[in-house]
Protein backbone atom coordinates (compact mmCIF):
# COMPACT_ATOMS: atom_id res chain seq x y z
CA MET A 1 26.61 -6.93 -16.29
CA LYS A 2 23.52 -5.10 -15.08
CA LYS A 3 20.53 -6.92 -13.63
CA LEU A 4 16.78 -6.48 -13.84
CA PHE A 5 14.65 -7.93 -11.06
CA VAL A 6 10.87 -8.34 -11.17
CA VAL A 7 9.09 -9.08 -7.87
CA CYS A 8 5.57 -10.52 -8.25
CA PRO A 9 3.31 -11.26 -5.25
CA CYS A 10 0.95 -14.19 -5.90
CA PHE A 11 -2.15 -15.27 -4.02
CA ASN A 12 -4.41 -18.00 -5.43
CA GLU A 13 -3.30 -17.35 -9.00
CA GLN A 14 -3.37 -20.93 -10.35
CA GLU A 15 -5.62 -19.94 -13.26
CA VAL A 16 -3.47 -17.08 -14.52
CA LEU A 17 0.10 -17.72 -13.42
CA GLY A 18 1.19 -19.78 -16.42
CA ALA A 19 -0.07 -17.26 -18.98
CA PHE A 20 1.32 -14.34 -16.99
CA ALA A 21 4.76 -15.95 -16.68
CA ALA A 22 4.86 -16.53 -20.44
CA ARG A 23 4.04 -12.88 -21.20
CA LEU A 24 6.52 -11.64 -18.61
CA THR A 25 9.30 -13.87 -19.94
CA ARG A 26 8.76 -12.65 -23.50
CA ALA A 27 8.87 -9.04 -22.35
CA LEU A 28 12.08 -9.56 -20.37
CA GLU A 29 13.77 -11.40 -23.22
CA GLY A 30 12.96 -8.48 -25.51
CA ILE A 31 14.46 -6.01 -23.04
CA ALA A 32 17.59 -8.13 -22.61
CA ALA A 33 18.03 -8.53 -26.38
CA ALA A 34 18.01 -4.75 -26.84
CA GLU A 35 20.72 -4.23 -24.20
CA PRO A 36 24.12 -3.89 -25.95
CA GLU A 37 26.13 -4.61 -22.80
CA GLY A 38 24.02 -7.58 -21.77
CA LEU A 39 21.35 -7.81 -19.08
CA GLU A 40 20.58 -10.51 -16.50
CA THR A 41 16.86 -10.84 -15.87
CA HIS A 42 15.47 -12.32 -12.68
CA VAL A 43 11.85 -12.99 -11.66
CA LEU A 44 11.02 -13.52 -7.98
CA LEU A 45 7.54 -14.96 -7.38
CA VAL A 46 6.27 -14.60 -3.81
CA ASP A 47 3.50 -17.03 -2.92
CA ASP A 48 1.56 -15.26 -0.18
CA GLY A 49 0.13 -18.37 1.45
CA SER A 50 -2.01 -19.47 -1.49
CA ARG A 51 -4.59 -22.15 -0.80
CA ASP A 52 -4.72 -23.50 -4.35
CA SER A 53 -2.03 -24.97 -6.65
CA THR A 54 -0.08 -21.73 -7.08
CA TRP A 55 3.07 -23.08 -5.43
CA ASP A 56 3.04 -26.28 -7.49
CA ILE A 57 2.74 -24.21 -10.67
CA ILE A 58 5.66 -22.03 -9.56
CA ARG A 59 7.82 -25.09 -9.05
CA THR A 60 6.88 -26.28 -12.55
CA LEU A 61 7.70 -22.90 -14.08
CA ARG A 62 11.17 -23.01 -12.59
CA SER A 63 11.96 -26.10 -14.65
CA VAL A 64 11.15 -24.39 -17.95
CA PRO A 65 14.43 -23.49 -19.72
CA GLY A 66 15.04 -19.87 -20.71
CA GLY A 67 17.29 -16.90 -20.28
CA THR A 68 15.32 -15.47 -17.36
CA ARG A 69 16.19 -16.77 -13.92
CA LEU A 70 13.10 -17.60 -11.85
CA SER A 71 13.26 -17.73 -8.06
CA ALA A 72 10.43 -18.17 -5.59
CA LEU A 73 9.44 -17.54 -1.98
CA ARG A 74 6.63 -19.30 -0.17
CA LEU A 75 5.22 -17.58 2.90
CA ALA A 76 3.90 -19.75 5.73
CA ARG A 77 0.44 -18.15 5.50
CA ASN A 78 -1.33 -15.22 3.89
CA PHE A 79 0.39 -12.17 5.37
CA GLY A 80 -1.07 -9.70 2.87
CA HIS A 81 0.00 -8.01 -0.35
CA GLN A 82 2.24 -5.40 1.31
CA SER A 83 4.11 -7.98 3.38
CA ALA A 84 4.59 -10.18 0.30
CA ILE A 85 6.20 -7.25 -1.51
CA CYS A 86 8.46 -6.61 1.47
CA ALA A 87 9.46 -10.28 1.61
CA GLY A 88 10.48 -10.24 -2.05
CA LEU A 89 12.46 -7.02 -1.73
CA ASP A 90 14.25 -8.27 1.39
CA HIS A 91 15.68 -11.19 -0.57
CA LEU A 92 17.07 -9.15 -3.44
CA ILE A 93 20.06 -7.70 -1.58
CA GLY A 94 21.40 -10.89 0.01
CA PRO A 95 20.72 -14.06 -2.01
CA LEU A 96 20.25 -12.36 -5.38
CA ALA A 97 22.88 -9.62 -4.96
CA CYS A 98 21.06 -6.58 -6.32
CA GLY A 99 23.56 -3.78 -7.07
CA ASP A 100 23.15 -0.01 -6.79
CA ASP A 101 22.68 0.50 -10.53
CA ASP A 102 20.40 -2.49 -11.07
CA THR A 103 16.66 -2.09 -11.63
CA VAL A 104 13.84 -3.54 -9.53
CA ILE A 105 10.23 -3.73 -10.71
CA ILE A 106 7.17 -4.60 -8.62
CA MET A 107 4.08 -5.84 -10.41
CA ASP A 108 1.04 -8.02 -9.74
CA SER A 109 0.77 -11.47 -11.25
CA ASP A 110 -2.90 -11.38 -12.30
CA GLY A 111 -2.20 -9.76 -15.68
CA GLN A 112 -3.60 -6.31 -14.89
CA HIS A 113 -0.10 -4.82 -14.88
CA PRO A 114 0.94 -5.23 -18.54
CA PRO A 115 4.46 -6.72 -18.91
CA GLU A 116 4.74 -5.03 -22.31
CA ARG A 117 5.22 -1.68 -20.52
CA LEU A 118 8.33 -2.83 -18.65
CA HIS A 119 10.72 -1.55 -21.33
CA GLU A 120 9.42 2.01 -20.79
CA MET A 121 9.97 1.67 -17.06
CA VAL A 122 13.53 0.37 -17.50
CA THR A 123 14.38 3.16 -19.97
CA ALA A 124 12.99 5.85 -17.65
CA ARG A 125 14.78 4.36 -14.64
CA ARG A 126 18.13 4.60 -16.41
CA GLU A 127 17.54 8.21 -17.43
CA SER A 128 18.78 9.39 -14.02
CA PHE A 129 15.52 8.46 -12.26
CA HIS A 130 15.80 6.36 -9.11
CA HIS A 131 12.04 5.85 -9.01
CA VAL A 132 9.45 5.27 -11.77
CA GLN A 133 5.77 5.30 -10.75
CA MET A 134 3.05 3.79 -12.92
CA VAL A 135 -0.27 5.67 -12.59
CA ARG A 136 -3.61 4.22 -13.67
CA GLU A 137 -5.42 6.26 -16.29
CA ASP A 138 -8.81 4.86 -15.30
CA ALA A 139 -8.39 5.42 -11.56
CA GLU A 140 -11.88 6.94 -11.23
CA GLU A 141 -13.56 4.55 -13.66
CA SER A 142 -12.45 1.08 -12.57
CA GLY A 143 -14.03 -1.04 -9.88
CA GLY A 144 -17.52 -0.92 -8.42
CA LEU A 145 -19.52 2.15 -7.53
CA LEU A 146 -18.33 2.09 -3.92
CA LYS A 147 -14.67 1.89 -4.92
CA ARG A 148 -15.03 4.67 -7.50
CA ALA A 149 -16.60 6.89 -4.86
CA THR A 150 -14.12 6.21 -2.05
CA SER A 151 -10.80 5.85 -3.89
CA PRO A 152 -10.37 9.54 -4.93
CA LEU A 153 -11.52 10.57 -1.46
CA PHE A 154 -8.83 8.43 0.16
CA TYR A 155 -6.02 9.85 -1.99
CA ARG A 156 -7.07 13.44 -1.21
CA LEU A 157 -7.52 12.68 2.48
CA PHE A 158 -4.18 10.90 2.73
CA SER A 159 -2.34 13.73 0.97
CA TRP A 160 -3.94 16.35 3.22
CA LEU A 161 -3.34 14.50 6.48
CA SER A 162 0.20 13.28 5.74
CA GLY A 163 1.54 16.22 3.73
CA LEU A 164 2.68 13.77 1.01
CA GLU A 165 1.41 13.96 -2.55
CA LEU A 166 -0.07 10.56 -3.29
CA ARG A 167 -1.44 10.74 -6.81
CA PRO A 168 -4.85 9.21 -7.57
CA GLY A 169 -4.31 5.98 -9.45
CA ALA A 170 -0.88 5.35 -7.91
CA SER A 171 -0.36 1.63 -7.40
CA ASP A 172 2.39 -0.77 -6.40
CA PHE A 173 3.34 -1.12 -10.09
CA ARG A 174 6.70 0.69 -10.16
CA ALA A 175 10.45 0.47 -10.83
CA PHE A 176 13.41 1.73 -8.84
CA SER A 177 17.16 1.47 -8.52
CA GLY A 178 19.27 -0.61 -6.16
CA VAL A 179 20.12 2.59 -4.26
CA PHE A 180 16.40 3.21 -3.71
CA LEU A 181 15.93 -0.41 -2.61
CA LYS A 182 18.69 -0.28 0.01
CA GLN A 183 17.20 2.87 1.53
CA TYR A 184 13.74 1.29 1.59
CA LEU A 185 15.07 -1.75 3.44
CA ARG A 186 16.11 0.51 6.33
CA PHE A 187 12.46 0.84 7.37
CA ALA A 188 11.52 -1.28 10.36
CA GLU A 189 7.71 -1.07 10.33
CA THR A 190 5.85 -4.35 10.60
CA ASN A 191 2.64 -3.14 8.94
CA ARG A 192 3.53 -1.19 5.80
CA PHE A 193 1.75 1.06 3.38
CA ASN A 194 4.36 0.88 0.63
CA ARG A 195 2.81 3.50 -1.63
CA GLY A 196 3.19 6.05 1.11
CA LEU A 197 6.69 4.90 2.06
CA PHE A 198 7.92 5.18 -1.53
CA VAL A 199 6.66 8.78 -1.74
CA TRP A 200 8.01 9.65 1.71
CA MET A 201 11.53 8.64 0.64
CA GLY A 202 11.62 11.63 -1.67
CA PHE A 203 13.70 10.36 -4.59
CA LYS A 204 13.25 12.00 -7.98
CA THR A 205 10.27 10.24 -9.55
CA HIS A 206 9.17 9.81 -13.15
CA LEU A 207 5.46 9.17 -13.82
CA ILE A 208 4.16 6.91 -16.59
CA ARG A 209 0.44 6.53 -17.20
CA TYR A 210 -0.99 3.16 -18.15
CA ARG A 211 -4.37 1.55 -18.59
CA PRO A 212 -4.66 -1.71 -16.63
CA GLU A 213 -5.87 -4.78 -18.44
CA ALA A 214 -8.53 -7.21 -17.34
CA ARG A 215 -7.51 -10.15 -15.21
CA LEU A 216 -6.41 -13.11 -17.29
CA ALA A 217 -8.87 -15.30 -15.39
CA GLY A 218 -10.61 -15.62 -12.05
CA LYS A 219 -11.74 -12.92 -9.66
CA SER A 220 -9.71 -10.53 -7.56
CA SER A 221 -9.34 -11.51 -3.89
CA TYR A 222 -8.63 -7.91 -2.92
CA THR A 223 -12.04 -7.02 -1.48
CA PHE A 224 -13.33 -3.59 -0.55
CA LEU A 225 -12.89 -4.36 3.15
CA ARG A 226 -9.22 -5.23 2.59
CA MET A 227 -8.75 -1.98 0.70
CA MET A 228 -10.36 -0.07 3.57
CA LYS A 229 -8.03 -1.79 6.04
CA LEU A 230 -5.03 -0.81 3.92
CA ALA A 231 -6.32 2.77 3.76
CA GLY A 232 -6.63 2.86 7.55
CA VAL A 233 -3.06 1.61 7.96
CA GLY A 234 -1.82 4.20 5.49
CA ILE A 235 -3.51 7.15 7.17
CA THR A 236 -2.75 6.25 10.79
CA TYR A 237 0.87 5.29 10.09
CA PHE A 238 1.69 8.43 8.16
CA SER A 239 -0.12 11.11 10.11
CA SER A 240 -0.97 11.95 13.70
CA ARG A 241 -3.36 14.67 12.52
CA PRO A 242 -6.53 12.60 13.05
CA LEU A 243 -5.58 12.19 16.71
CA MET A 244 -4.71 15.87 17.14
CA LEU A 245 -7.77 17.07 15.21
CA THR A 246 -10.26 14.99 17.18
CA THR A 247 -8.67 16.02 20.47
CA GLY A 248 -8.71 19.68 19.46
CA ILE A 249 -12.27 19.56 18.15
CA ILE A 250 -13.56 17.82 21.27
CA THR A 251 -11.74 20.22 23.59
CA GLY A 252 -12.78 23.32 21.68
CA GLY A 253 -16.32 22.06 21.17
CA GLY A 254 -16.66 21.21 24.85
CA PHE A 255 -15.59 24.67 26.00
CA LEU A 256 -17.80 26.33 23.37
CA LEU A 257 -20.81 24.23 24.33
CA CYS A 258 -20.38 24.80 28.04
CA GLY A 259 -19.70 28.53 27.56
CA SER A 260 -22.77 28.94 25.36
CA TYR A 261 -24.94 27.14 27.88
CA VAL A 262 -23.70 29.28 30.76
CA LEU A 263 -24.18 32.46 28.69
CA SER A 264 -27.73 31.48 27.79
CA GLU A 265 -28.57 30.90 31.43
CA VAL A 266 -27.07 34.27 32.42
CA VAL A 267 -29.14 36.00 29.73
CA LYS A 268 -32.25 34.17 30.90
CA LEU A 269 -31.57 35.25 34.48
CA ALA A 270 -31.04 38.88 33.40
CA ARG A 271 -34.41 38.86 31.66
CA GLY A 272 -36.17 37.60 34.75
CA GLY A 273 -36.34 33.98 33.75
CA LYS A 274 -36.41 31.11 36.18
CA PHE A 275 -34.07 28.15 36.43
CA VAL A 276 -36.26 25.18 35.70
CA PRO A 277 -34.52 21.81 35.64
CA GLY A 278 -34.60 20.51 32.08
CA TRP A 279 -34.07 16.83 31.69
CA ALA A 280 -33.96 17.17 27.91
CA THR A 281 -31.12 19.67 28.12
CA ILE A 282 -29.15 17.55 30.55
CA LEU A 283 -29.71 14.43 28.53
CA PHE A 284 -28.62 16.19 25.34
CA LEU A 285 -25.43 17.56 26.87
CA VAL A 286 -24.46 14.31 28.59
CA THR A 287 -25.13 12.24 25.47
CA LEU A 288 -23.29 14.59 23.15
CA TRP A 289 -20.30 14.94 25.42
CA GLY A 290 -20.16 11.21 26.07
CA SER A 291 -20.25 10.51 22.34
CA LEU A 292 -17.42 12.94 21.68
CA ILE A 293 -15.31 11.39 24.40
CA SER A 294 -15.98 7.92 22.98
CA LEU A 295 -14.96 9.09 19.52
CA ASN A 296 -11.73 10.51 20.88
CA GLN A 297 -10.98 7.32 22.78
CA TRP A 298 -11.62 5.27 19.64
CA ILE A 299 -9.15 7.32 17.63
CA GLN A 300 -6.60 7.00 20.43
CA SER A 301 -7.14 3.26 20.59
CA VAL A 302 -6.26 2.98 16.88
CA TYR A 303 -2.90 4.63 17.50
CA VAL A 304 -2.29 2.62 20.67
CA ALA A 305 -2.98 -0.54 18.65
CA ARG A 306 -0.39 0.56 16.09
CA ILE A 307 2.14 1.11 18.89
CA PHE A 308 1.25 -2.29 20.33
CA ASP A 309 1.93 -3.95 16.97
CA GLU A 310 5.28 -2.24 16.54
CA VAL A 311 6.76 -2.73 20.02
CA LYS A 312 6.34 -6.51 19.70
CA ARG A 313 8.91 -6.36 16.85
CA ARG A 314 7.44 -9.38 15.14
CA PRO A 315 8.56 -10.04 11.58
CA GLY A 316 6.17 -8.91 8.87
CA TYR A 317 6.24 -12.36 7.28
CA VAL A 318 7.57 -15.91 7.74
CA VAL A 319 9.21 -17.78 4.86
CA GLU A 320 8.31 -21.46 4.59
CA ASP A 321 10.29 -22.32 1.45
CA LEU A 322 12.89 -20.61 -0.75
CA LEU A 323 13.86 -21.62 -4.26
CA LEU A 324 16.81 -19.72 -5.75
């Protein structure tokens, strides 16, 4: 019998988790009922170090009878959305025995990823697609003014720097096969930008557009600063071009600046000019060159920091409790 797994990261979702779980369960029961050969449905909730009653609610949900099996992970602290996804996926192969032809779905637990669209994802996944990507239709309309302005810029910048086509509106809402999952679990990075990793893997992908719904309750904890941090991880982990570009620009600019200055002095001398010490010129050159060097060192320090994080080989998360 085939299996369908749904991995849902949770962080301070006490106000919405009960309603979300009810909607998700109804959707999964409908998918299972339409499967002639039978379908086992599993939900894995990953509590990413919530500081409210999220874990208590999860434990209560597990006691509700139904055809969908509900398992849960509790991380020792808040490791971040990407690490919570990785923690859930890591536990599908061993304890929950995900097979090559089974289907795995990742979705948020705040209600913005509509469970009613899961049947389309499962159908597309079984039509010879190892990977199904959900793409937001309102990618350039949602969020505040700052997010609307920077989000399209990030997707274009990431695609140009990394050479990977990351579509605007692409999110972590997606489905894939057990084969895809096993290949993903070969990655050893501690800090992950999963959207980029999924594209980098190169499996045949089917796109489905959707319009996200409003949160069932509460306010998103995913601030603009956290999104910027994730964007920085994505760009620096997937491309060395920023480092090479800044080094090349500084080197080329330095030679051009110095050559132009020498040429101007030679021309001045040929025209009978005098060499008068110019403090403004010296100050300008020293300041500009020092700033360029500082910029280059800052870019290098970002990459050195990434190397520092990886060579420690720390786990990306720590599990405090496991309910299977």
